[in-house]
C-alpha atoms as a PDB file:
ATOM      1  CA  UNK A   1      -2.914  -9.271   9.635  1.00  0.00           C
ATOM      2  CA  UNK A   2      -2.704  -7.174  12.750  1.00  0.00           C
ATOM      3  CA  UNK A   3       0.861  -5.853  12.378  1.00  0.00           C
ATOM      4  CA  UNK A   4       3.910  -5.814  10.125  1.00  0.00           C
ATOM      5  CA  UNK A   5       7.429  -4.559  10.835  1.00  0.00           C
ATOM      6  CA  UNK A   6       9.671  -3.528   7.955  1.00  0.00           C
ATOM      7  CA  UNK A   7      13.277  -2.422   7.580  1.00  0.00           C
ATOM      8  CA  UNK A   8      13.761   0.717   5.502  1.00  0.00           C
ATOM      9  CA  UNK A   9      16.778   1.324   3.221  1.00  0.00           C
ATOM     10  CA  UNK A  10      18.252   3.503   5.995  1.00  0.00           C
ATOM     11  CA  UNK A  11      18.172   0.514   8.356  1.00  0.00           C
ATOM     12  CA  UNK A  12      15.421   1.952  10.533  1.00  0.00           C
ATOM     13  CA  UNK A  13      12.414  -0.199  11.382  1.00  0.00           C
ATOM     14  CA  UNK A  14       8.784   0.773  11.136  1.00  0.00           C
ATOM     15  CA  UNK A  15       5.793  -1.120  12.495  1.00  0.00           C
ATOM     16  CA  UNK A  16       2.278  -0.748  11.144  1.00  0.00           C
ATOM     17  CA  UNK A  17      -0.916  -2.204  12.576  1.00  0.00           C
ATOM     18  CA  UNK A  18      -4.456  -2.863  11.411  1.00  0.00           C
ATOM     19  CA  UNK A  19      -5.535  -1.574   8.009  1.00  0.00           C
ATOM     20  CA  UNK A  20      -2.186   0.158   7.428  1.00  0.00           C
ATOM     21  CA  UNK A  21      -0.459  -3.233   7.851  1.00  0.00           C
ATOM     22  CA  UNK A  22      -3.012  -4.843   5.520  1.00  0.00           C
ATOM     23  CA  UNK A  23      -2.461  -2.132   2.891  1.00  0.00           C
ATOM     24  CA  UNK A  24       1.322  -2.343   3.109  1.00  0.00           C
ATOM     25  CA  UNK A  25       1.219  -6.126   2.708  1.00  0.00           C
ATOM     26  CA  UNK A  26      -0.967  -5.770  -0.420  1.00  0.00           C
ATOM     27  CA  UNK A  27       1.558  -3.286  -1.865  1.00  0.00           C
ATOM     28  CA  UNK A  28       4.501  -5.571  -1.075  1.00  0.00           C
ATOM     29  CA  UNK A  29       2.727  -8.610  -2.556  1.00  0.00           C
ATOM     30  CA  UNK A  30       1.801  -6.716  -5.740  1.00  0.00           C
ATOM     31  CA  UNK A  31       5.346  -5.604  -6.479  1.00  0.00           C
ATOM     32  CA  UNK A  32       5.810  -3.389  -9.542  1.00  0.00           C
ATOM     33  CA  UNK A  33       2.317  -4.036 -10.937  1.00  0.00           C
ATOM     34  CA  UNK A  34       0.821  -2.181  -7.947  1.00  0.00           C
ATOM     35  CA  UNK A  35      -2.691  -2.385  -6.542  1.00  0.00           C
ATOM     36  CA  UNK A  36      -5.973  -0.673  -7.316  1.00  0.00           C
ATOM     37  CA  UNK A  37      -9.191  -0.131  -5.460  1.00  0.00           C
ATOM     38  CA  UNK A  38     -10.874  -2.024  -8.301  1.00  0.00           C
ATOM     39  CA  UNK A  39      -8.780  -5.149  -7.597  1.00  0.00           C
ATOM     40  CA  UNK A  40      -8.905  -4.882  -3.811  1.00  0.00           C
ATOM     41  CA  UNK A  41     -12.021  -3.057  -2.637  1.00  0.00           C
ATOM     42  CA  UNK A  42     -11.468  -1.661   0.827  1.00  0.00           C
ATOM     43  CA  UNK A  43     -12.712   1.371   2.647  1.00  0.00           C
ATOM     44  CA  UNK A  44     -10.467   4.419   2.665  1.00  0.00           C
ATOM     45  CA  UNK A  45      -7.530   3.195   0.533  1.00  0.00           C
ATOM     46  CA  UNK A  46      -6.423   6.788   0.023  1.00  0.00           C
ATOM     47  CA  UNK A  47      -6.271   7.368   3.773  1.00  0.00           C
ATOM     48  CA  UNK A  48      -4.166   4.260   4.394  1.00  0.00           C
ATOM     49  CA  UNK A  49      -1.815   5.316   1.575  1.00  0.00           C
ATOM     50  CA  UNK A  50      -1.634   8.811   3.111  1.00  0.00           C
ATOM     51  CA  UNK A  51      -0.647   7.351   6.486  1.00  0.00           C
ATOM     52  CA  UNK A  52       2.018   5.099   4.943  1.00  0.00           C
ATOM     53  CA  UNK A  53       3.449   8.054   3.005  1.00  0.00           C
ATOM     54  CA  UNK A  54       3.453  10.184   6.139  1.00  0.00           C
ATOM     55  CA  UNK A  55       5.506   7.461   7.847  1.00  0.00           C
ATOM     56  CA  UNK A  56       8.173   7.825   5.150  1.00  0.00           C
ATOM     57  CA  UNK A  57       7.265   5.300   2.444  1.00  0.00           C
ATOM     58  CA  UNK A  58       7.308   6.416  -1.180  1.00  0.00           C
ATOM     59  CA  UNK A  59       4.103   5.283  -2.885  1.00  0.00           C
ATOM     60  CA  UNK A  60       3.264   6.490  -6.384  1.00  0.00           C
ATOM     61  CA  UNK A  61      -0.217   6.877  -7.836  1.00  0.00           C
ATOM     62  CA  UNK A  62      -0.984   6.398 -11.520  1.00  0.00           C
ATOM     63  CA  UNK A  63      -4.523   7.171 -12.664  1.00  0.00           C
ATOM     64  CA  UNK A  64      -6.140   4.714 -15.083  1.00  0.00           C
ATOM     65  CA  UNK A  65      -9.476   4.910 -16.895  1.00  0.00           C
ATOM     66  CA  UNK A  66     -12.144   2.283 -16.390  1.00  0.00           C
ATOM     67  CA  UNK A  67     -15.390   1.578 -18.191  1.00  0.00           C
ATOM     68  CA  UNK A  68     -18.597  -0.092 -17.161  1.00  0.00           C
ATOM     69  CA  UNK A  69     -21.735   1.195 -15.504  1.00  0.00           C
ATOM     70  CA  UNK A  70     -19.764   3.909 -13.709  1.00  0.00           C
ATOM     71  CA  UNK A  71     -16.895   4.960 -16.018  1.00  0.00           C
ATOM     72  CA  UNK A  72     -14.138   7.147 -14.661  1.00  0.00           C
ATOM     73  CA  UNK A  73     -10.622   6.755 -13.317  1.00  0.00           C
ATOM     74  CA  UNK A  74      -9.062   4.892 -10.440  1.00  0.00           C
ATOM     75  CA  UNK A  75      -5.609   5.028  -8.888  1.00  0.00           C
ATOM     76  CA  UNK A  76      -2.964   2.331  -9.127  1.00  0.00           C
ATOM     77  CA  UNK A  77      -0.690   2.529  -6.087  1.00  0.00           C
ATOM     78  CA  UNK A  78       2.904   1.276  -6.212  1.00  0.00           C
ATOM     79  CA  UNK A  79       5.327   0.944  -3.327  1.00  0.00           C
ATOM     80  CA  UNK A  80       8.593   2.485  -4.555  1.00  0.00           C
ATOM     81  CA  UNK A  81      10.565   2.238  -1.309  1.00  0.00           C
ATOM     82  CA  UNK A  82      12.493  -1.040  -1.133  1.00  0.00           C
ATOM     83  CA  UNK A  83      11.585  -2.633   2.197  1.00  0.00           C
ATOM     84  CA  UNK A  84      12.322  -5.911   3.955  1.00  0.00           C
ATOM     85  CA  UNK A  85       9.635  -7.507   6.118  1.00  0.00           C
ATOM     86  CA  UNK A  86      11.234  -8.458   9.441  1.00  0.00           C
ATOM     87  CA  UNK A  87       8.138  -9.463  11.439  1.00  0.00           C
ATOM     88  CA  UNK A  88       4.441 -10.174  10.957  1.00  0.00           C
ATOM     89  CA  UNK A  89       1.782 -10.847  13.569  1.00  0.00           C
ATOM     90  CA  UNK A  90      -1.651 -12.298  12.933  1.00  0.00           C
END
């Protein structure tokens, strides 16, 4: 996906391109269950989330433990702002 345009609750429209569009679409698709870097490996998730937040979207982070060869925690990101997708471009 190269771009996505959404309508915010205020009625304003925002357009995102590239990885920010990809990240936003993953968040929208996931709904309330959210997304993790474990489920969707991608470079720089935290940076894309930062950029979406800076644009005005509310995205929460919940830290969850994981086991395995490299135990630790990972973030589960959830889009809290209700948005409507008005346009997508491939």
